[in-house]
Amino acid sequence: MFASELPQWQSLQPTTQAVFAASAGQVEGESTEFVRIGDEGTKITFRFCPRCGAAVFHTASGHENSISIPVGAFADPSFPKPSTSVYEERMHSWVSMPAGIDHMD
C-alpha cells in the first residue's frame, strides 16, 4: 500500500506525506516523540530525529496498519505527486491542489 496525501492541519504546517503499510518495512534507530490529539480524538504520534529535529514519521491510533513519512525525507525530486488531499478547508488561500487527486475533508 502506498498513497501520498496533502494534509492541511490547522496547528501544523501543511506537508505532503507518503503513507505505507506498517508491514512494508521496519523502523530502526532513535527518535523523539511528540503526541497530539486530533480534532476527532485521534492520537497522532510524531517521531523526530533527536539530533536535528527533522520529522521522520508519524502514526495514528486507529490506523495501526499504516505509517506516514514526510515526502521530503526521501530527497527524491521524482517522487510521485499526491493522490489525496485532506483538510482542504484549512489550507492557505495560495495553495492549489494538483489536478486529478481525491479530496477528503
PDB file of N, CA and C in Angstrom:
ATOM      1  N   MET A   1       0.836  -1.174   0.000  1.00  0.00           N
ATOM      2  CA  MET A   1       0.000   0.000   0.000  1.00  0.00           C
ATOM      3  C   MET A   1       0.879   1.234   0.000  1.00  0.00           C
ATOM      4  N   PHE A   2       0.590   2.145  -0.855  1.00  0.00           N
ATOM      5  CA  PHE A   2       1.272   3.438  -0.865  1.00  0.00           C
ATOM      6  C   PHE A   2       0.275   4.486  -1.321  1.00  0.00           C
ATOM      7  N   ALA A   3       0.252   5.579  -0.645  1.00  0.00           N
ATOM      8  CA  ALA A   3      -0.543   6.728  -1.063  1.00  0.00           C
ATOM      9  C   ALA A   3       0.229   7.959  -0.654  1.00  0.00           C
ATOM     10  N   SER A   4       0.024   9.013  -1.354  1.00  0.00           N
ATOM     11  CA  SER A   4       0.648  10.277  -0.994  1.00  0.00           C
ATOM     12  C   SER A   4      -0.478  11.258  -0.749  1.00  0.00           C
ATOM     13  N   GLU A   5      -0.428  11.981   0.367  1.00  0.00           N
ATOM     14  CA  GLU A   5      -1.519  12.881   0.703  1.00  0.00           C
ATOM     15  C   GLU A   5      -0.999  14.232   1.147  1.00  0.00           C
ATOM     16  N   LEU A   6      -1.863  15.237   1.046  1.00  0.00           N
ATOM     17  CA  LEU A   6      -1.552  16.589   1.463  1.00  0.00           C
ATOM     18  C   LEU A   6      -2.453  16.987   2.624  1.00  0.00           C
ATOM     19  N   PRO A   7      -2.099  16.667   3.867  1.00  0.00           N
ATOM     20  CA  PRO A   7      -2.940  17.095   4.977  1.00  0.00           C
ATOM     21  C   PRO A   7      -2.724  18.575   5.279  1.00  0.00           C
ATOM     22  N   GLN A   8      -3.788  19.282   5.618  1.00  0.00           N
ATOM     23  CA  GLN A   8      -3.723  20.705   5.931  1.00  0.00           C
ATOM     24  C   GLN A   8      -4.129  20.899   7.389  1.00  0.00           C
ATOM     25  N   TRP A   9      -3.291  20.459   8.333  1.00  0.00           N
ATOM     26  CA  TRP A   9      -3.638  20.559   9.745  1.00  0.00           C
ATOM     27  C   TRP A   9      -3.546  22.000  10.201  1.00  0.00           C
ATOM     28  N   GLN A  10      -4.511  22.418  11.013  1.00  0.00           N
ATOM     29  CA  GLN A  10      -4.548  23.797  11.476  1.00  0.00           C
ATOM     30  C   GLN A  10      -3.367  24.146  12.375  1.00  0.00           C
ATOM     31  N   SER A  11      -2.995  23.249  13.273  1.00  0.00           N
ATOM     32  CA  SER A  11      -1.931  23.579  14.224  1.00  0.00           C
ATOM     33  C   SER A  11      -0.543  23.219  13.709  1.00  0.00           C
ATOM     34  N   LEU A  12      -0.454  22.658  12.503  1.00  0.00           N
ATOM     35  CA  LEU A  12       0.829  22.283  11.928  1.00  0.00           C
ATOM     36  C   LEU A  12       0.928  22.830  10.517  1.00  0.00           C
ATOM     37  N   GLN A  13       2.132  22.935  10.030  1.00  0.00           N
ATOM     38  CA  GLN A  13       2.326  23.377   8.657  1.00  0.00           C
ATOM     39  C   GLN A  13       1.865  22.285   7.691  1.00  0.00           C
ATOM     40  N   PRO A  14       1.245  22.684   6.569  1.00  0.00           N
ATOM     41  CA  PRO A  14       0.859  21.673   5.576  1.00  0.00           C
ATOM     42  C   PRO A  14       2.101  20.913   5.102  1.00  0.00           C
ATOM     43  N   THR A  15       1.927  19.652   4.850  1.00  0.00           N
ATOM     44  CA  THR A  15       3.040  18.822   4.430  1.00  0.00           C
ATOM     45  C   THR A  15       2.524  17.686   3.571  1.00  0.00           C
ATOM     46  N   THR A  16       3.354  17.207   2.702  1.00  0.00           N
ATOM     47  CA  THR A  16       2.986  16.055   1.887  1.00  0.00           C
ATOM     48  C   THR A  16       3.535  14.808   2.552  1.00  0.00           C
ATOM     49  N   GLN A  17       2.656  13.844   2.771  1.00  0.00           N
ATOM     50  CA  GLN A  17       3.010  12.607   3.452  1.00  0.00           C
ATOM     51  C   GLN A  17       2.887  11.430   2.506  1.00  0.00           C
ATOM     52  N   ALA A  18       3.804  10.494   2.602  1.00  0.00           N
ATOM     53  CA  ALA A  18       3.678   9.210   1.914  1.00  0.00           C
ATOM     54  C   ALA A  18       3.186   8.211   2.953  1.00  0.00           C
ATOM     55  N   VAL A  19       2.102   7.517   2.644  1.00  0.00           N
ATOM     56  CA  VAL A  19       1.506   6.579   3.587  1.00  0.00           C
ATOM     57  C   VAL A  19       1.781   5.157   3.102  1.00  0.00           C
ATOM     58  N   PHE A  20       2.364   4.355   3.974  1.00  0.00           N
ATOM     59  CA  PHE A  20       2.734   2.986   3.653  1.00  0.00           C
ATOM     60  C   PHE A  20       2.085   2.025   4.635  1.00  0.00           C
ATOM     61  N   ALA A  21       1.941   0.775   4.231  1.00  0.00           N
ATOM     62  CA  ALA A  21       1.527  -0.269   5.166  1.00  0.00           C
ATOM     63  C   ALA A  21       2.640  -0.430   6.191  1.00  0.00           C
ATOM     64  N   ALA A  22       2.289  -0.508   7.464  1.00  0.00           N
ATOM     65  CA  ALA A  22       3.303  -0.656   8.514  1.00  0.00           C
ATOM     66  C   ALA A  22       4.134  -1.911   8.312  1.00  0.00           C
ATOM     67  N   SER A  23       3.561  -2.916   7.683  1.00  0.00           N
ATOM     68  CA  SER A  23       4.277  -4.172   7.448  1.00  0.00           C
ATOM     69  C   SER A  23       5.265  -4.088   6.282  1.00  0.00           C
ATOM     70  N   ALA A  24       5.299  -2.960   5.583  1.00  0.00           N
ATOM     71  CA  ALA A  24       6.165  -2.824   4.401  1.00  0.00           C
ATOM     72  C   ALA A  24       7.634  -2.625   4.756  1.00  0.00           C
ATOM     73  N   GLY A  25       7.919  -2.327   6.007  1.00  0.00           N
ATOM     74  CA  GLY A  25       9.309  -2.094   6.389  1.00  0.00           C
ATOM     75  C   GLY A  25       9.466  -2.153   7.887  1.00  0.00           C
ATOM     76  N   GLN A  26      10.632  -1.744   8.336  1.00  0.00           N
ATOM     77  CA  GLN A  26      10.944  -1.779   9.755  1.00  0.00           C
ATOM     78  C   GLN A  26      11.576  -0.453  10.148  1.00  0.00           C
ATOM     79  N   VAL A  27      11.135   0.113  11.252  1.00  0.00           N
ATOM     80  CA  VAL A  27      11.697   1.361  11.762  1.00  0.00           C
ATOM     81  C   VAL A  27      12.810   1.019  12.734  1.00  0.00           C
ATOM     82  N   GLU A  28      13.973   1.628  12.541  1.00  0.00           N
ATOM     83  CA  GLU A  28      15.112   1.398  13.425  1.00  0.00           C
ATOM     84  C   GLU A  28      15.716   2.730  13.836  1.00  0.00           C
ATOM     85  N   GLY A  29      16.410   2.737  14.941  1.00  0.00           N
ATOM     86  CA  GLY A  29      17.109   3.926  15.402  1.00  0.00           C
ATOM     87  C   GLY A  29      16.309   4.721  16.403  1.00  0.00           C
ATOM     88  N   GLU A  30      16.947   5.764  16.911  1.00  0.00           N
ATOM     89  CA  GLU A  30      16.343   6.613  17.932  1.00  0.00           C
ATOM     90  C   GLU A  30      15.394   7.617  17.311  1.00  0.00           C
ATOM     91  N   SER A  31      14.383   8.000  18.095  1.00  0.00           N
ATOM     92  CA  SER A  31      13.515   9.103  17.697  1.00  0.00           C
ATOM     93  C   SER A  31      12.952   9.751  18.958  1.00  0.00           C
ATOM     94  N   THR A  32      12.595  10.987  18.833  1.00  0.00           N
ATOM     95  CA  THR A  32      11.928  11.727  19.892  1.00  0.00           C
ATOM     96  C   THR A  32      10.462  11.814  19.508  1.00  0.00           C
ATOM     97  N   GLU A  33       9.564  11.625  20.460  1.00  0.00           N
ATOM     98  CA  GLU A  33       8.139  11.608  20.158  1.00  0.00           C
ATOM     99  C   GLU A  33       7.429  12.856  20.654  1.00  0.00           C
ATOM    100  N   PHE A  34       6.436  13.263  19.879  1.00  0.00           N
ATOM    101  CA  PHE A  34       5.506  14.314  20.276  1.00  0.00           C
ATOM    102  C   PHE A  34       4.117  13.783  19.955  1.00  0.00           C
ATOM    103  N   VAL A  35       3.223  13.775  20.938  1.00  0.00           N
ATOM    104  CA  VAL A  35       1.877  13.258  20.747  1.00  0.00           C
ATOM    105  C   VAL A  35       0.901  14.424  20.684  1.00  0.00           C
ATOM    106  N   ARG A  36       0.022  14.368  19.699  1.00  0.00           N
ATOM    107  CA  ARG A  36      -1.002  15.388  19.509  1.00  0.00           C
ATOM    108  C   ARG A  36      -2.331  14.671  19.380  1.00  0.00           C
ATOM    109  N   ILE A  37      -3.372  15.253  19.938  1.00  0.00           N
ATOM    110  CA  ILE A  37      -4.716  14.706  19.798  1.00  0.00           C
ATOM    111  C   ILE A  37      -5.414  15.499  18.698  1.00  0.00           C
ATOM    112  N   GLY A  38      -5.883  14.784  17.674  1.00  0.00           N
ATOM    113  CA  GLY A  38      -6.541  15.418  16.538  1.00  0.00           C
ATOM    114  C   GLY A  38      -7.936  15.910  16.878  1.00  0.00           C
ATOM    115  N   ASP A  39      -8.558  16.601  15.935  1.00  0.00           N
ATOM    116  CA  ASP A  39      -9.885  17.184  16.122  1.00  0.00           C
ATOM    117  C   ASP A  39     -10.936  16.156  16.533  1.00  0.00           C
ATOM    118  N   GLU A  40     -10.803  14.932  16.044  1.00  0.00           N
ATOM    119  CA  GLU A  40     -11.800  13.906  16.326  1.00  0.00           C
ATOM    120  C   GLU A  40     -11.335  12.923  17.400  1.00  0.00           C
ATOM    121  N   GLY A  41     -10.279  13.305  18.143  1.00  0.00           N
ATOM    122  CA  GLY A  41      -9.795  12.489  19.249  1.00  0.00           C
ATOM    123  C   GLY A  41      -8.722  11.480  18.891  1.00  0.00           C
ATOM    124  N   THR A  42      -8.272  11.473  17.643  1.00  0.00           N
ATOM    125  CA  THR A  42      -7.232  10.534  17.228  1.00  0.00           C
ATOM    126  C   THR A  42      -5.895  10.942  17.825  1.00  0.00           C
ATOM    127  N   LYS A  43      -5.211   9.991  18.438  1.00  0.00           N
ATOM    128  CA  LYS A  43      -3.877  10.234  18.993  1.00  0.00           C
ATOM    129  C   LYS A  43      -2.865  10.066  17.864  1.00  0.00           C
ATOM    130  N   ILE A  44      -2.143  11.126  17.547  1.00  0.00           N
ATOM    131  CA  ILE A  44      -1.133  11.100  16.482  1.00  0.00           C
ATOM    132  C   ILE A  44       0.232  11.230  17.146  1.00  0.00           C
ATOM    133  N   THR A  45       1.099  10.252  16.903  1.00  0.00           N
ATOM    134  CA  THR A  45       2.439  10.264  17.486  1.00  0.00           C
ATOM    135  C   THR A  45       3.439  10.596  16.392  1.00  0.00           C
ATOM    136  N   PHE A  46       4.060  11.760  16.514  1.00  0.00           N
ATOM    137  CA  PHE A  46       5.072  12.219  15.569  1.00  0.00           C
ATOM    138  C   PHE A  46       6.439  11.823  16.105  1.00  0.00           C
ATOM    139  N   ARG A  47       7.306  11.350  15.218  1.00  0.00           N
ATOM    140  CA  ARG A  47       8.672  10.988  15.610  1.00  0.00           C
ATOM    141  C   ARG A  47       9.651  11.876  14.863  1.00  0.00           C
ATOM    142  N   PHE A  48      10.636  12.367  15.595  1.00  0.00           N
ATOM    143  CA  PHE A  48      11.629  13.301  15.073  1.00  0.00           C
ATOM    144  C   PHE A  48      13.033  12.782  15.336  1.00  0.00           C
ATOM    145  N   CYS A  49      13.981  13.195  14.513  1.00  0.00           N
ATOM    146  CA  CYS A  49      15.384  12.885  14.749  1.00  0.00           C
ATOM    147  C   CYS A  49      15.810  13.610  16.024  1.00  0.00           C
ATOM    148  N   PRO A  50      16.371  12.893  17.012  1.00  0.00           N
ATOM    149  CA  PRO A  50      16.754  13.549  18.262  1.00  0.00           C
ATOM    150  C   PRO A  50      17.965  14.477  18.109  1.00  0.00           C
ATOM    151  N   ARG A  51      18.661  14.377  17.005  1.00  0.00           N
ATOM    152  CA  ARG A  51      19.842  15.219  16.798  1.00  0.00           C
ATOM    153  C   ARG A  51      19.523  16.516  16.048  1.00  0.00           C
ATOM    154  N   CYS A  52      18.745  16.418  14.966  1.00  0.00           N
ATOM    155  CA  CYS A  52      18.492  17.617  14.152  1.00  0.00           C
ATOM    156  C   CYS A  52      17.050  18.098  14.209  1.00  0.00           C
ATOM    157  N   GLY A  53      16.134  17.295  14.745  1.00  0.00           N
ATOM    158  CA  GLY A  53      14.741  17.696  14.868  1.00  0.00           C
ATOM    159  C   GLY A  53      13.895  17.472  13.626  1.00  0.00           C
ATOM    160  N   ALA A  54      14.459  16.876  12.584  1.00  0.00           N
ATOM    161  CA  ALA A  54      13.694  16.630  11.357  1.00  0.00           C
ATOM    162  C   ALA A  54      12.572  15.631  11.620  1.00  0.00           C
ATOM    163  N   ALA A  55      11.409  15.877  11.018  1.00  0.00           N
ATOM    164  CA  ALA A  55      10.296  14.933  11.113  1.00  0.00           C
ATOM    165  C   ALA A  55      10.675  13.658  10.373  1.00  0.00           C
ATOM    166  N   VAL A  56      10.496  12.506  11.023  1.00  0.00           N
ATOM    167  CA  VAL A  56      10.872  11.229  10.430  1.00  0.00           C
ATOM    168  C   VAL A  56       9.632  10.455   9.983  1.00  0.00           C
ATOM    169  N   PHE A  57       8.636  10.314  10.868  1.00  0.00           N
ATOM    170  CA  PHE A  57       7.383   9.657  10.501  1.00  0.00           C
ATOM    171  C   PHE A  57       6.353   9.895  11.586  1.00  0.00           C
ATOM    172  N   HIS A  58       5.101   9.547  11.303  1.00  0.00           N
ATOM    173  CA  HIS A  58       4.079   9.572  12.346  1.00  0.00           C
ATOM    174  C   HIS A  58       3.098   8.425  12.165  1.00  0.00           C
ATOM    175  N   THR A  59       2.457   8.077  13.268  1.00  0.00           N
ATOM    176  CA  THR A  59       1.435   7.043  13.289  1.00  0.00           C
ATOM    177  C   THR A  59       0.208   7.610  13.991  1.00  0.00           C
ATOM    178  N   ALA A  60      -0.954   6.980  13.754  1.00  0.00           N
ATOM    179  CA  ALA A  60      -2.199   7.456  14.356  1.00  0.00           C
ATOM    180  C   ALA A  60      -2.969   6.292  14.953  1.00  0.00           C
ATOM    181  N   SER A  61      -3.542   6.522  16.138  1.00  0.00           N
ATOM    182  CA  SER A  61      -4.368   5.482  16.760  1.00  0.00           C
ATOM    183  C   SER A  61      -5.560   5.210  15.847  1.00  0.00           C
ATOM    184  N   GLY A  62      -5.913   3.939  15.760  1.00  0.00           N
ATOM    185  CA  GLY A  62      -6.988   3.546  14.866  1.00  0.00           C
ATOM    186  C   GLY A  62      -6.510   3.254  13.458  1.00  0.00           C
ATOM    187  N   HIS A  63      -5.254   3.572  13.185  1.00  0.00           N
ATOM    188  CA  HIS A  63      -4.643   3.325  11.873  1.00  0.00           C
ATOM    189  C   HIS A  63      -3.301   2.618  12.075  1.00  0.00           C
ATOM    190  N   GLU A  64      -3.286   1.627  12.935  1.00  0.00           N
ATOM    191  CA  GLU A  64      -2.050   0.947  13.305  1.00  0.00           C
ATOM    192  C   GLU A  64      -1.393   0.215  12.142  1.00  0.00           C
ATOM    193  N   ASN A  65      -2.127  -0.016  11.084  1.00  0.00           N
ATOM    194  CA  ASN A  65      -1.569  -0.736   9.935  1.00  0.00           C
ATOM    195  C   ASN A  65      -0.868   0.167   8.938  1.00  0.00           C
ATOM    196  N   SER A  66      -0.763   1.470   9.255  1.00  0.00           N
ATOM    197  CA  SER A  66      -0.093   2.374   8.328  1.00  0.00           C
ATOM    198  C   SER A  66       0.897   3.280   9.049  1.00  0.00           C
ATOM    199  N   ILE A  67       1.827   3.799   8.296  1.00  0.00           N
ATOM    200  CA  ILE A  67       2.842   4.732   8.784  1.00  0.00           C
ATOM    201  C   ILE A  67       2.974   5.839   7.737  1.00  0.00           C
ATOM    202  N   SER A  68       3.063   7.078   8.198  1.00  0.00           N
ATOM    203  CA  SER A  68       3.172   8.226   7.299  1.00  0.00           C
ATOM    204  C   SER A  68       4.561   8.838   7.415  1.00  0.00           C
ATOM    205  N   ILE A  69       5.177   9.065   6.271  1.00  0.00           N
ATOM    206  CA  ILE A  69       6.531   9.606   6.217  1.00  0.00           C
ATOM    207  C   ILE A  69       6.506  10.878   5.373  1.00  0.00           C
ATOM    208  N   PRO A  70       7.093  11.993   5.857  1.00  0.00           N
ATOM    209  CA  PRO A  70       7.134  13.200   5.034  1.00  0.00           C
ATOM    210  C   PRO A  70       7.875  12.922   3.717  1.00  0.00           C
ATOM    211  N   VAL A  71       7.283  13.335   2.621  1.00  0.00           N
ATOM    212  CA  VAL A  71       7.897  13.085   1.315  1.00  0.00           C
ATOM    213  C   VAL A  71       9.286  13.713   1.236  1.00  0.00           C
ATOM    214  N   GLY A  72       9.500  14.834   1.888  1.00  0.00           N
ATOM    215  CA  GLY A  72      10.808  15.477   1.885  1.00  0.00           C
ATOM    216  C   GLY A  72      11.909  14.616   2.479  1.00  0.00           C
ATOM    217  N   ALA A  73      11.542  13.634   3.299  1.00  0.00           N
ATOM    218  CA  ALA A  73      12.538  12.740   3.888  1.00  0.00           C
ATOM    219  C   ALA A  73      13.172  11.828   2.841  1.00  0.00           C
ATOM    220  N   PHE A  74      12.528  11.680   1.687  1.00  0.00           N
ATOM    221  CA  PHE A  74      13.060  10.818   0.636  1.00  0.00           C
ATOM    222  C   PHE A  74      14.070  11.526  -0.258  1.00  0.00           C
ATOM    223  N   ALA A  75      14.112  12.855  -0.241  1.00  0.00           N
ATOM    224  CA  ALA A  75      15.060  13.630  -1.058  1.00  0.00           C
ATOM    225  C   ALA A  75      15.054  13.152  -2.504  1.00  0.00           C
ATOM    226  N   ASP A  76      13.861  12.958  -3.054  1.00  0.00           N
ATOM    227  CA  ASP A  76      13.707  12.449  -4.412  1.00  0.00           C
ATOM    228  C   ASP A  76      12.798  13.380  -5.210  1.00  0.00           C
ATOM    229  N   PRO A  77      13.348  14.217  -6.081  1.00  0.00           N
ATOM    230  CA  PRO A  77      12.520  15.157  -6.840  1.00  0.00           C
ATOM    231  C   PRO A  77      11.554  14.478  -7.808  1.00  0.00           C
ATOM    232  N   SER A  78      11.739  13.187  -8.073  1.00  0.00           N
ATOM    233  CA  SER A  78      10.824  12.478  -8.974  1.00  0.00           C
ATOM    234  C   SER A  78       9.746  11.709  -8.201  1.00  0.00           C
ATOM    235  N   PHE A  79       9.646  11.953  -6.894  1.00  0.00           N
ATOM    236  CA  PHE A  79       8.649  11.265  -6.084  1.00  0.00           C
ATOM    237  C   PHE A  79       7.256  11.518  -6.678  1.00  0.00           C
ATOM    238  N   PRO A  80       6.372  10.502  -6.715  1.00  0.00           N
ATOM    239  CA  PRO A  80       5.046  10.681  -7.324  1.00  0.00           C
ATOM    240  C   PRO A  80       4.234  11.794  -6.662  1.00  0.00           C
ATOM    241  N   LYS A  81       3.390  12.461  -7.448  1.00  0.00           N
ATOM    242  CA  LYS A  81       2.552  13.532  -6.911  1.00  0.00           C
ATOM    243  C   LYS A  81       1.522  12.956  -5.948  1.00  0.00           C
ATOM    244  N   PRO A  82       0.952  13.795  -5.080  1.00  0.00           N
ATOM    245  CA  PRO A  82      -0.059  13.329  -4.129  1.00  0.00           C
ATOM    246  C   PRO A  82      -1.267  12.738  -4.851  1.00  0.00           C
ATOM    247  N   SER A  83      -1.906  11.763  -4.197  1.00  0.00           N
ATOM    248  CA  SER A  83      -3.119  11.172  -4.748  1.00  0.00           C
ATOM    249  C   SER A  83      -4.363  11.600  -3.974  1.00  0.00           C
ATOM    250  N   THR A  84      -4.174  12.153  -2.759  1.00  0.00           N
ATOM    251  CA  THR A  84      -5.296  12.541  -1.907  1.00  0.00           C
ATOM    252  C   THR A  84      -4.965  13.820  -1.150  1.00  0.00           C
ATOM    253  N   SER A  85      -5.957  14.676  -0.978  1.00  0.00           N
ATOM    254  CA  SER A  85      -5.812  15.879  -0.169  1.00  0.00           C
ATOM    255  C   SER A  85      -6.837  15.824   0.957  1.00  0.00           C
ATOM    256  N   VAL A  86      -6.382  16.106   2.181  1.00  0.00           N
ATOM    257  CA  VAL A  86      -7.288  16.102   3.333  1.00  0.00           C
ATOM    258  C   VAL A  86      -7.244  17.435   4.053  1.00  0.00           C
ATOM    259  N   TYR A  87      -8.334  17.776   4.712  1.00  0.00           N
ATOM    260  CA  TYR A  87      -8.475  19.032   5.466  1.00  0.00           C
ATOM    261  C   TYR A  87      -8.268  20.267   4.590  1.00  0.00           C
ATOM    262  N   GLU A  88      -8.769  20.244   3.366  1.00  0.00           N
ATOM    263  CA  GLU A  88      -8.579  21.384   2.464  1.00  0.00           C
ATOM    264  C   GLU A  88      -9.193  22.673   2.983  1.00  0.00           C
ATOM    265  N   GLU A  89     -10.238  22.582   3.813  1.00  0.00           N
ATOM    266  CA  GLU A  89     -10.871  23.805   4.316  1.00  0.00           C
ATOM    267  C   GLU A  89      -9.894  24.614   5.175  1.00  0.00           C
ATOM    268  N   ARG A  90      -8.774  24.021   5.568  1.00  0.00           N
ATOM    269  CA  ARG A  90      -7.793  24.705   6.407  1.00  0.00           C
ATOM    270  C   ARG A  90      -6.557  25.186   5.645  1.00  0.00           C
ATOM    271  N   MET A  91      -6.474  24.884   4.378  1.00  0.00           N
ATOM    272  CA  MET A  91      -5.251  25.241   3.648  1.00  0.00           C
ATOM    273  C   MET A  91      -5.171  26.747   3.413  1.00  0.00           C
ATOM    274  N   HIS A  92      -3.962  27.218   3.233  1.00  0.00           N
ATOM    275  CA  HIS A  92      -3.735  28.626   2.920  1.00  0.00           C
ATOM    276  C   HIS A  92      -4.364  28.947   1.570  1.00  0.00           C
ATOM    277  N   SER A  93      -4.808  30.173   1.411  1.00  0.00           N
ATOM    278  CA  SER A  93      -5.502  30.570   0.173  1.00  0.00           C
ATOM    279  C   SER A  93      -4.609  30.464  -1.059  1.00  0.00           C
ATOM    280  N   TRP A  94      -3.295  30.501  -0.904  1.00  0.00           N
ATOM    281  CA  TRP A  94      -2.387  30.455  -2.051  1.00  0.00           C
ATOM    282  C   TRP A  94      -1.984  29.037  -2.449  1.00  0.00           C
ATOM    283  N   VAL A  95      -2.455  28.020  -1.687  1.00  0.00           N
ATOM    284  CA  VAL A  95      -2.144  26.629  -2.014  1.00  0.00           C
ATOM    285  C   VAL A  95      -3.132  26.128  -3.064  1.00  0.00           C
ATOM    286  N   SER A  96      -2.624  25.439  -4.079  1.00  0.00           N
ATOM    287  CA  SER A  96      -3.509  24.819  -5.069  1.00  0.00           C
ATOM    288  C   SER A  96      -3.185  23.328  -5.142  1.00  0.00           C
ATOM    289  N   MET A  97      -4.205  22.534  -5.322  1.00  0.00           N
ATOM    290  CA  MET A  97      -4.061  21.084  -5.372  1.00  0.00           C
ATOM    291  C   MET A  97      -3.793  20.622  -6.804  1.00  0.00           C
ATOM    292  N   PRO A  98      -3.002  19.582  -6.961  1.00  0.00           N
ATOM    293  CA  PRO A  98      -2.778  19.028  -8.293  1.00  0.00           C
ATOM    294  C   PRO A  98      -4.083  18.500  -8.893  1.00  0.00           C
ATOM    295  N   ALA A  99      -4.223  18.579 -10.181  1.00  0.00           N
ATOM    296  CA  ALA A  99      -5.424  18.080 -10.856  1.00  0.00           C
ATOM    297  C   ALA A  99      -5.516  16.562 -10.702  1.00  0.00           C
ATOM    298  N   GLY A 100      -6.741  16.068 -10.571  1.00  0.00           N
ATOM    299  CA  GLY A 100      -6.985  14.641 -10.592  1.00  0.00           C
ATOM    300  C   GLY A 100      -6.784  13.896  -9.290  1.00  0.00           C
ATOM    301  N   ILE A 101      -6.607  14.604  -8.158  1.00  0.00           N
ATOM    302  CA  ILE A 101      -6.428  13.896  -6.891  1.00  0.00           C
ATOM    303  C   ILE A 101      -7.761  13.793  -6.150  1.00  0.00           C
ATOM    304  N   ASP A 102      -7.847  12.832  -5.225  1.00  0.00           N
ATOM    305  CA  ASP A 102      -9.030  12.677  -4.386  1.00  0.00           C
ATOM    306  C   ASP A 102      -9.026  13.749  -3.300  1.00  0.00           C
ATOM    307  N   HIS A 103     -10.208  14.141  -2.848  1.00  0.00           N
ATOM    308  CA  HIS A 103     -10.340  15.164  -1.817  1.00  0.00           C
ATOM    309  C   HIS A 103     -11.140  14.596  -0.647  1.00  0.00           C
ATOM    310  N   MET A 104     -10.559  14.692   0.555  1.00  0.00           N
ATOM    311  CA  MET A 104     -11.232  14.222   1.760  1.00  0.00           C
ATOM    312  C   MET A 104     -11.215  15.346   2.793  1.00  0.00           C
ATOM    313  N   ASP A 105     -12.358  15.631   3.370  1.00  0.00           N
ATOM    314  CA  ASP A 105     -12.407  16.632   4.439  1.00  0.00           C
ATOM    315  C   ASP A 105     -12.910  16.020   5.704  1.00  0.00           C
TER     316      ASP A 105
END
